[in-house]
Amino acid sequence: MKNYRKNGKSGETLVEIMVSAFLFLILMAVMQGAISFCTNAQRKSGQIREANAEICKNLHSALTAQDNGSSTFDFQAVSADGNVKGEWVFGVNVELKKKEISNDDGSKKVTFYLFDSALTGGGTS
């Protein structure tokens, strides 16, 4: 077997080492961006969960809803694609109510609309 190391030209060149270092740095920059994005998303998700928990807590402890009158929701048959409407099928009488909830410092206000079908008769024919 012949040995070709007479000139000492084996191994990596400086250009190959620099290209591999450059590719490594690019991959690290992409990973750093992805980690930063995930960290920010997790922080924002935590803020949303805290605000939602506060709204739910205030909703349960809120006073009774304000009365906004009553209305009838009518239902009718519709084709599968939604283009052709059929005859009236039934209607439901509902009592409309509204609850307004604000956070502890009063900076955010959320309105919930409630539909109560507890009216007499429940539906009409």
N, C-alpha and C. Protein backbone atom coordinates (compact mmCIF):
# COMPACT_ATOMS: atom_id res chain seq x y z
N MET A 1 0.84 -1.16 0.00
CA MET A 1 0.00 0.00 0.00
C MET A 1 0.89 1.23 0.00
N LYS A 2 0.57 2.15 -0.85
CA LYS A 2 1.38 3.35 -0.98
C LYS A 2 0.92 4.42 0.00
N ASN A 3 1.81 5.18 0.48
CA ASN A 3 1.52 6.28 1.40
C ASN A 3 1.66 7.58 0.63
N TYR A 4 0.56 8.37 0.56
CA TYR A 4 0.55 9.59 -0.23
C TYR A 4 0.80 10.84 0.60
N ARG A 5 1.38 10.74 1.73
CA ARG A 5 1.59 11.89 2.61
C ARG A 5 2.98 12.51 2.42
N LYS A 6 3.48 12.43 1.28
CA LYS A 6 4.82 12.96 1.04
C LYS A 6 4.86 14.47 1.13
N ASN A 7 3.81 15.13 0.67
CA ASN A 7 3.81 16.59 0.64
C ASN A 7 3.12 17.22 1.85
N GLY A 8 2.51 16.43 2.72
CA GLY A 8 1.83 16.95 3.90
C GLY A 8 0.55 17.71 3.56
N LYS A 9 -0.19 17.29 2.55
CA LYS A 9 -1.39 17.99 2.12
C LYS A 9 -2.67 17.32 2.63
N SER A 10 -2.62 16.54 3.65
CA SER A 10 -3.83 15.90 4.17
C SER A 10 -4.46 16.80 5.24
N GLY A 11 -5.79 16.60 5.47
CA GLY A 11 -6.50 17.39 6.48
C GLY A 11 -7.38 18.45 5.82
N GLU A 12 -8.00 19.30 6.65
CA GLU A 12 -8.91 20.33 6.16
C GLU A 12 -8.14 21.60 5.86
N THR A 13 -8.67 22.34 4.88
CA THR A 13 -8.06 23.62 4.55
C THR A 13 -8.69 24.70 5.43
N LEU A 14 -8.08 25.84 5.44
CA LEU A 14 -8.59 26.97 6.21
C LEU A 14 -9.97 27.40 5.70
N VAL A 15 -10.17 27.34 4.40
CA VAL A 15 -11.46 27.71 3.82
C VAL A 15 -12.56 26.77 4.30
N GLU A 16 -12.29 25.48 4.35
CA GLU A 16 -13.29 24.51 4.82
C GLU A 16 -13.65 24.76 6.28
N ILE A 17 -12.66 25.06 7.09
CA ILE A 17 -12.91 25.33 8.50
C ILE A 17 -13.73 26.61 8.66
N MET A 18 -13.44 27.64 7.89
CA MET A 18 -14.18 28.90 7.99
C MET A 18 -15.62 28.73 7.50
N VAL A 19 -15.83 27.95 6.45
CA VAL A 19 -17.20 27.70 5.96
C VAL A 19 -17.99 26.94 7.01
N SER A 20 -17.39 25.94 7.63
CA SER A 20 -18.13 25.18 8.64
C SER A 20 -18.42 26.05 9.87
N ALA A 21 -17.49 26.93 10.25
CA ALA A 21 -17.75 27.84 11.36
C ALA A 21 -18.87 28.82 11.01
N PHE A 22 -18.89 29.31 9.79
CA PHE A 22 -19.93 30.24 9.35
C PHE A 22 -21.30 29.56 9.38
N LEU A 23 -21.38 28.32 8.87
CA LEU A 23 -22.64 27.58 8.90
C LEU A 23 -23.10 27.32 10.33
N PHE A 24 -22.17 27.00 11.22
CA PHE A 24 -22.51 26.79 12.61
C PHE A 24 -23.07 28.06 13.24
N LEU A 25 -22.46 29.21 12.95
CA LEU A 25 -22.94 30.48 13.50
C LEU A 25 -24.33 30.83 12.96
N ILE A 26 -24.58 30.55 11.70
CA ILE A 26 -25.91 30.81 11.12
C ILE A 26 -26.95 29.95 11.82
N LEU A 27 -26.66 28.67 12.03
CA LEU A 27 -27.60 27.78 12.71
C LEU A 27 -27.84 28.24 14.15
N MET A 28 -26.81 28.71 14.82
CA MET A 28 -26.98 29.21 16.19
C MET A 28 -27.85 30.46 16.21
N ALA A 29 -27.71 31.34 15.21
CA ALA A 29 -28.54 32.55 15.14
C ALA A 29 -30.01 32.18 14.93
N VAL A 30 -30.26 31.19 14.08
CA VAL A 30 -31.64 30.75 13.84
C VAL A 30 -32.22 30.15 15.13
N MET A 31 -31.46 29.35 15.82
CA MET A 31 -31.93 28.75 17.07
C MET A 31 -32.19 29.81 18.14
N GLN A 32 -31.33 30.82 18.21
CA GLN A 32 -31.52 31.89 19.19
C GLN A 32 -32.82 32.64 18.90
N GLY A 33 -33.12 32.89 17.62
CA GLY A 33 -34.37 33.55 17.26
C GLY A 33 -35.59 32.71 17.62
N ALA A 34 -35.49 31.40 17.38
CA ALA A 34 -36.61 30.52 17.71
C ALA A 34 -36.85 30.46 19.21
N ILE A 35 -35.77 30.39 19.98
CA ILE A 35 -35.91 30.35 21.45
C ILE A 35 -36.48 31.67 21.96
N SER A 36 -36.04 32.78 21.40
CA SER A 36 -36.56 34.09 21.80
C SER A 36 -38.05 34.20 21.49
N PHE A 37 -38.46 33.73 20.31
CA PHE A 37 -39.88 33.77 19.93
C PHE A 37 -40.71 32.93 20.90
N CYS A 38 -40.23 31.72 21.23
CA CYS A 38 -40.97 30.85 22.15
C CYS A 38 -41.08 31.46 23.54
N THR A 39 -40.03 32.10 24.00
CA THR A 39 -40.04 32.73 25.32
C THR A 39 -41.07 33.85 25.36
N ASN A 40 -41.10 34.69 24.32
CA ASN A 40 -42.07 35.78 24.26
C ASN A 40 -43.49 35.26 24.17
N ALA A 41 -43.70 34.19 23.39
CA ALA A 41 -45.03 33.60 23.27
C ALA A 41 -45.50 33.03 24.59
N GLN A 42 -44.60 32.40 25.33
CA GLN A 42 -44.96 31.84 26.63
C GLN A 42 -45.31 32.95 27.62
N ARG A 43 -44.57 34.04 27.60
CA ARG A 43 -44.85 35.16 28.49
C ARG A 43 -46.22 35.77 28.16
N LYS A 44 -46.51 35.98 26.88
CA LYS A 44 -47.80 36.55 26.47
C LYS A 44 -48.95 35.60 26.83
N SER A 45 -48.73 34.30 26.67
CA SER A 45 -49.76 33.32 27.04
C SER A 45 -50.06 33.38 28.53
N GLY A 46 -49.03 33.55 29.34
CA GLY A 46 -49.23 33.67 30.78
C GLY A 46 -50.04 34.91 31.14
N GLN A 47 -49.77 36.02 30.45
CA GLN A 47 -50.53 37.24 30.70
C GLN A 47 -51.99 37.06 30.32
N ILE A 48 -52.24 36.40 29.21
CA ILE A 48 -53.62 36.16 28.77
C ILE A 48 -54.34 35.25 29.76
N ARG A 49 -53.66 34.21 30.23
CA ARG A 49 -54.28 33.30 31.21
C ARG A 49 -54.62 34.03 32.50
N GLU A 50 -53.73 34.91 32.96
CA GLU A 50 -54.00 35.66 34.19
C GLU A 50 -55.21 36.58 34.01
N ALA A 51 -55.27 37.28 32.86
CA ALA A 51 -56.40 38.17 32.61
C ALA A 51 -57.70 37.38 32.51
N ASN A 52 -57.66 36.22 31.86
CA ASN A 52 -58.85 35.38 31.73
C ASN A 52 -59.30 34.86 33.09
N ALA A 53 -58.36 34.47 33.94
CA ALA A 53 -58.73 33.99 35.28
C ALA A 53 -59.38 35.10 36.09
N GLU A 54 -58.88 36.32 35.95
CA GLU A 54 -59.46 37.44 36.68
C GLU A 54 -60.87 37.76 36.17
N ILE A 55 -61.06 37.69 34.86
CA ILE A 55 -62.39 37.93 34.30
C ILE A 55 -63.37 36.86 34.77
N CYS A 56 -62.95 35.59 34.75
CA CYS A 56 -63.83 34.51 35.21
C CYS A 56 -64.18 34.66 36.68
N LYS A 57 -63.20 35.05 37.48
CA LYS A 57 -63.46 35.26 38.91
C LYS A 57 -64.48 36.38 39.10
N ASN A 58 -64.31 37.48 38.38
CA ASN A 58 -65.23 38.60 38.49
C ASN A 58 -66.61 38.28 37.92
N LEU A 59 -66.66 37.41 36.90
CA LEU A 59 -67.95 37.03 36.32
C LEU A 59 -68.78 36.24 37.32
N HIS A 60 -68.14 35.34 38.05
CA HIS A 60 -68.87 34.55 39.04
C HIS A 60 -69.34 35.40 40.22
N SER A 61 -68.58 36.41 40.56
CA SER A 61 -68.95 37.22 41.71
C SER A 61 -69.74 38.47 41.31
N ALA A 62 -70.04 38.64 40.02
CA ALA A 62 -70.76 39.83 39.56
C ALA A 62 -72.22 39.79 40.01
N LEU A 63 -72.80 40.94 40.06
CA LEU A 63 -74.22 41.05 40.40
C LEU A 63 -75.04 40.41 39.30
N THR A 64 -76.32 40.26 39.55
CA THR A 64 -77.18 39.67 38.54
C THR A 64 -77.17 40.53 37.28
N ALA A 65 -77.45 39.87 36.18
CA ALA A 65 -77.38 40.54 34.89
C ALA A 65 -78.49 41.56 34.73
N GLN A 66 -78.20 42.57 33.94
CA GLN A 66 -79.21 43.59 33.64
C GLN A 66 -80.17 43.04 32.60
N ASP A 67 -81.44 43.38 32.75
CA ASP A 67 -82.46 42.89 31.82
C ASP A 67 -82.46 43.78 30.58
N ASN A 68 -82.36 43.15 29.41
CA ASN A 68 -82.41 43.88 28.14
C ASN A 68 -83.63 43.52 27.32
N GLY A 69 -84.66 43.01 27.95
CA GLY A 69 -85.87 42.66 27.22
C GLY A 69 -85.86 41.22 26.78
N SER A 70 -86.70 40.92 25.80
CA SER A 70 -86.76 39.56 25.28
C SER A 70 -86.81 39.61 23.77
N SER A 71 -86.54 38.47 23.18
CA SER A 71 -86.51 38.37 21.72
C SER A 71 -86.86 36.94 21.34
N THR A 72 -87.17 36.73 20.07
CA THR A 72 -87.45 35.40 19.56
C THR A 72 -86.43 35.08 18.47
N PHE A 73 -85.77 33.94 18.61
CA PHE A 73 -84.85 33.47 17.58
C PHE A 73 -85.59 32.46 16.73
N ASP A 74 -85.71 32.74 15.43
CA ASP A 74 -86.41 31.86 14.51
C ASP A 74 -85.42 30.96 13.78
N PHE A 75 -85.80 29.69 13.63
CA PHE A 75 -84.97 28.72 12.93
C PHE A 75 -85.70 28.23 11.70
N GLN A 76 -84.97 28.10 10.61
CA GLN A 76 -85.58 27.60 9.39
C GLN A 76 -84.64 26.59 8.73
N ALA A 77 -85.22 25.73 7.90
CA ALA A 77 -84.43 24.70 7.22
C ALA A 77 -83.56 25.36 6.14
N VAL A 78 -82.34 24.85 6.00
CA VAL A 78 -81.39 25.36 5.01
C VAL A 78 -80.72 24.18 4.35
N SER A 79 -80.40 24.30 3.06
CA SER A 79 -79.72 23.23 2.36
C SER A 79 -78.29 23.07 2.88
N ALA A 80 -77.62 21.98 2.53
CA ALA A 80 -76.29 21.68 3.03
C ALA A 80 -75.28 22.75 2.65
N ASP A 81 -75.42 23.33 1.46
CA ASP A 81 -74.47 24.37 1.05
C ASP A 81 -74.86 25.76 1.56
N GLY A 82 -76.03 25.88 2.17
CA GLY A 82 -76.46 27.14 2.77
C GLY A 82 -77.10 28.12 1.81
N ASN A 83 -77.29 27.73 0.57
CA ASN A 83 -77.85 28.66 -0.42
C ASN A 83 -79.37 28.67 -0.42
N VAL A 84 -80.00 27.52 -0.32
CA VAL A 84 -81.45 27.42 -0.42
C VAL A 84 -82.05 27.37 0.97
N LYS A 85 -82.92 28.33 1.28
CA LYS A 85 -83.57 28.36 2.58
C LYS A 85 -84.97 27.80 2.45
N GLY A 86 -85.33 27.00 3.46
CA GLY A 86 -86.65 26.38 3.44
C GLY A 86 -87.63 27.12 4.32
N GLU A 87 -88.63 26.39 4.76
CA GLU A 87 -89.69 26.95 5.58
C GLU A 87 -89.21 27.17 7.01
N TRP A 88 -89.95 28.00 7.72
CA TRP A 88 -89.71 28.25 9.14
C TRP A 88 -89.98 26.97 9.89
N VAL A 89 -89.06 26.57 10.80
CA VAL A 89 -89.20 25.32 11.54
C VAL A 89 -89.73 25.59 12.94
N PHE A 90 -89.04 26.43 13.71
CA PHE A 90 -89.49 26.75 15.05
C PHE A 90 -88.80 28.04 15.51
N GLY A 91 -89.31 28.58 16.61
CA GLY A 91 -88.73 29.77 17.21
C GLY A 91 -88.57 29.57 18.69
N VAL A 92 -87.60 30.28 19.27
CA VAL A 92 -87.33 30.16 20.70
C VAL A 92 -87.39 31.55 21.31
N ASN A 93 -88.26 31.71 22.31
CA ASN A 93 -88.31 32.97 23.05
C ASN A 93 -87.18 32.98 24.07
N VAL A 94 -86.42 34.04 24.08
CA VAL A 94 -85.31 34.14 25.03
C VAL A 94 -85.37 35.48 25.75
N GLU A 95 -84.90 35.44 26.96
CA GLU A 95 -84.76 36.66 27.76
C GLU A 95 -83.33 37.12 27.61
N LEU A 96 -83.14 38.35 27.17
CA LEU A 96 -81.81 38.89 26.94
C LEU A 96 -81.29 39.58 28.19
N LYS A 97 -80.09 39.21 28.60
CA LYS A 97 -79.47 39.83 29.76
C LYS A 97 -78.04 40.19 29.43
N LYS A 98 -77.48 41.07 30.23
CA LYS A 98 -76.13 41.53 29.98
C LYS A 98 -75.40 41.70 31.31
N LYS A 99 -74.14 41.23 31.37
CA LYS A 99 -73.28 41.45 32.53
C LYS A 99 -72.04 42.19 32.07
N GLU A 100 -71.68 43.23 32.80
CA GLU A 100 -70.46 43.96 32.49
C GLU A 100 -69.46 43.71 33.62
N ILE A 101 -68.29 43.25 33.25
CA ILE A 101 -67.26 42.88 34.21
C ILE A 101 -66.04 43.77 33.94
N SER A 102 -65.43 44.26 35.01
CA SER A 102 -64.17 44.99 34.87
C SER A 102 -63.14 44.37 35.81
N ASN A 103 -61.87 44.56 35.47
CA ASN A 103 -60.83 44.02 36.34
C ASN A 103 -60.72 44.87 37.60
N ASP A 104 -59.83 44.47 38.50
CA ASP A 104 -59.77 45.09 39.82
C ASP A 104 -59.47 46.58 39.77
N ASP A 105 -58.60 47.01 38.83
CA ASP A 105 -58.27 48.43 38.78
C ASP A 105 -59.19 49.20 37.83
N GLY A 106 -60.11 48.52 37.15
CA GLY A 106 -61.09 49.19 36.30
C GLY A 106 -60.58 49.59 34.94
N SER A 107 -59.40 49.13 34.53
CA SER A 107 -58.84 49.54 33.24
C SER A 107 -59.43 48.76 32.07
N LYS A 108 -59.88 47.52 32.29
CA LYS A 108 -60.47 46.72 31.22
C LYS A 108 -61.91 46.41 31.58
N LYS A 109 -62.78 46.49 30.57
CA LYS A 109 -64.19 46.21 30.78
C LYS A 109 -64.64 45.22 29.72
N VAL A 110 -65.30 44.14 30.14
CA VAL A 110 -65.78 43.10 29.23
C VAL A 110 -67.28 42.96 29.42
N THR A 111 -68.00 42.87 28.31
CA THR A 111 -69.45 42.71 28.36
C THR A 111 -69.82 41.31 27.91
N PHE A 112 -70.63 40.62 28.71
CA PHE A 112 -71.14 39.30 28.38
C PHE A 112 -72.63 39.41 28.13
N TYR A 113 -73.08 38.88 27.00
CA TYR A 113 -74.50 38.85 26.69
C TYR A 113 -75.02 37.45 26.97
N LEU A 114 -76.07 37.36 27.77
CA LEU A 114 -76.63 36.08 28.19
C LEU A 114 -78.00 35.89 27.56
N PHE A 115 -78.27 34.67 27.13
CA PHE A 115 -79.55 34.33 26.54
C PHE A 115 -80.19 33.26 27.40
N ASP A 116 -81.28 33.61 28.05
CA ASP A 116 -81.95 32.70 28.97
C ASP A 116 -83.27 32.26 28.35
N SER A 117 -83.42 30.95 28.12
CA SER A 117 -84.65 30.45 27.50
C SER A 117 -85.69 30.05 28.54
N ALA A 118 -85.66 30.67 29.70
CA ALA A 118 -86.56 30.31 30.79
C ALA A 118 -87.91 31.02 30.70
N LEU A 119 -88.17 31.69 29.60
CA LEU A 119 -89.48 32.35 29.46
C LEU A 119 -90.57 31.30 29.34
N THR A 120 -91.80 31.71 29.62
CA THR A 120 -92.91 30.76 29.56
C THR A 120 -93.09 30.26 28.14
N GLY A 121 -93.32 28.99 28.02
CA GLY A 121 -93.55 28.40 26.70
C GLY A 121 -92.28 27.90 26.05
N GLY A 122 -91.14 28.51 26.28
CA GLY A 122 -89.87 28.07 25.71
C GLY A 122 -89.77 28.25 24.22
N GLY A 123 -90.76 27.87 23.46
CA GLY A 123 -90.72 28.02 22.00
C GLY A 123 -92.12 28.24 21.48
N THR A 124 -92.18 28.68 20.25
CA THR A 124 -93.47 28.90 19.62
C THR A 124 -93.59 28.02 18.40
N SER A 125 -94.79 27.78 18.00
CA SER A 125 -94.97 26.95 16.81
C SER A 125 -95.76 27.69 15.76
